[in-house]
Structure formats: structure tokens, C-alpha cells
């Protein structure tokens, strides 16, 4: 995982951290949900997925996610992520 600030620094301006979060919130290439409300697995999008769930806050907490923090946590745990500051 990387922080919003880290991504912004790679773009040349650490002050763009909020803009990074806004852009990731609006990407049409987010990973698909784990399951649809109907219980079926979703179809994959045709574009290359942007792993926006892997961007967290600088303090190690999850931060936002369009499908909610529970979905973000499930995706991260599936990939083996361990919280730096477990609550």
C-alpha cells in the first residue's frame, strides 16, 4: 500500500493528496465489487483495473473508498495486508 501523500509526491506535489483521493474515487477502473447484491460475481471491466483500494492515509488508517471501508478492508486483507495501527 501507499499513502495519498506518497502518490501526490510522485506526481511532484505532496499538496495534491486530496486531489489524488478525489481522482481515485472517480476512476471507472476500480476493482469490481466482491459480489453483487444478487450474490452473483460481477463481470470484469474491460479496462485495466486501478488498485485504488491500496491507497491509504499517511497515518496507516484506511481512508475513503467508494464502496465503503468494509469493502476496502476485505480487498486489502485478501491481498495479505496487515494494518499498521490496528484499532
Protein backbone atom coordinates (compact mmCIF):
# COMPACT_ATOMS: atom_id res chain seq x y z
CA UNK A 1 0.00 0.00 0.00
CA UNK A 2 0.96 3.65 -0.43
CA UNK A 3 -0.43 6.83 1.05
CA UNK A 4 -2.33 9.52 -0.81
CA UNK A 5 0.57 11.85 0.06
CA UNK A 6 3.13 9.40 -1.41
CA UNK A 7 1.20 9.21 -4.69
CA UNK A 8 0.96 13.03 -4.75
CA UNK A 9 4.72 13.34 -4.13
CA UNK A 10 5.36 11.02 -7.09
CA UNK A 11 3.29 13.46 -9.15
CA UNK A 12 5.56 16.28 -7.96
CA UNK A 13 3.44 17.97 -5.27
CA UNK A 14 2.62 16.48 -1.85
CA UNK A 15 -0.13 19.10 -1.56
CA UNK A 16 -2.13 17.18 -4.17
CA UNK A 17 -3.00 14.35 -1.74
CA UNK A 18 -6.69 15.33 -1.61
CA UNK A 19 -6.81 15.58 -5.41
CA UNK A 20 -5.34 12.06 -5.62
CA UNK A 21 -8.13 10.79 -3.37
CA UNK A 22 -10.78 12.55 -5.45
CA UNK A 23 -9.37 11.14 -8.69
CA UNK A 24 -9.26 7.61 -7.29
CA UNK A 25 -12.84 7.97 -6.06
CA UNK A 26 -13.98 8.76 -9.60
CA UNK A 27 -11.99 6.20 -11.58
CA UNK A 28 -14.11 3.97 -13.79
CA UNK A 29 -11.42 1.31 -13.45
CA UNK A 30 -11.75 0.47 -9.75
CA UNK A 31 -11.60 -3.22 -8.87
CA UNK A 32 -15.03 -4.84 -9.21
CA UNK A 33 -17.05 -5.49 -6.04
CA UNK A 34 -16.53 -8.88 -4.44
CA UNK A 35 -20.17 -9.80 -5.03
CA UNK A 36 -23.23 -8.04 -6.37
CA UNK A 37 -26.27 -7.60 -4.14
CA UNK A 38 -27.84 -10.50 -6.00
CA UNK A 39 -24.99 -12.72 -4.75
CA UNK A 40 -23.52 -13.20 -8.24
CA UNK A 41 -19.93 -12.36 -9.03
CA UNK A 42 -19.61 -9.20 -11.17
CA UNK A 43 -18.31 -9.18 -14.71
CA UNK A 44 -14.81 -7.78 -15.10
CA UNK A 45 -14.47 -4.35 -16.68
CA UNK A 46 -12.66 -4.18 -20.00
CA UNK A 47 -10.13 -1.61 -18.81
CA UNK A 48 -7.06 -2.25 -16.72
CA UNK A 49 -8.14 -2.04 -13.07
CA UNK A 50 -6.62 0.71 -10.95
CA UNK A 51 -5.85 -0.74 -7.49
CA UNK A 52 -7.26 2.33 -5.74
CA UNK A 53 -8.07 0.25 -2.65
CA UNK A 54 -4.30 0.06 -1.99
CA UNK A 55 -4.00 3.80 -1.29
CA UNK A 56 -4.38 4.56 2.42
CA UNK A 57 -3.91 7.55 4.73
CA UNK A 58 -0.43 8.60 5.85
CA UNK A 59 -1.20 7.54 9.43
CA UNK A 60 -1.83 3.97 8.26
CA UNK A 61 -5.62 4.09 8.57
CA UNK A 62 -7.80 3.02 5.65
CA UNK A 63 -9.10 6.34 4.37
CA UNK A 64 -12.04 6.50 1.99
CA UNK A 65 -13.33 4.07 -0.61
CA UNK A 66 -16.32 4.47 -2.91
CA UNK A 67 -17.81 1.12 -1.82
CA UNK A 68 -17.15 1.77 1.87
CA UNK A 69 -14.40 0.94 4.35
CA UNK A 70 -15.56 -2.66 4.86
CA UNK A 71 -15.11 -3.46 1.16
CA UNK A 72 -11.71 -1.77 1.14
CA UNK A 73 -10.61 -3.75 4.19
CA UNK A 74 -11.81 -7.04 2.66
CA UNK A 75 -9.90 -6.38 -0.58
CA UNK A 76 -6.73 -5.47 1.31
CA UNK A 77 -6.94 -8.47 3.65
CA UNK A 78 -7.46 -10.76 0.66
CA UNK A 79 -4.08 -9.47 -0.59
CA UNK A 80 -2.39 -10.08 2.78
CA UNK A 81 -2.39 -6.50 4.08
CA UNK A 82 -1.96 -6.06 7.84
CA UNK A 83 -2.95 -2.71 9.41
CA UNK A 84 -0.03 -0.73 10.78
CA UNK A 85 -2.17 0.74 13.57
CA UNK A 86 -4.85 -1.86 14.39
CA UNK A 87 -7.72 -0.42 16.42
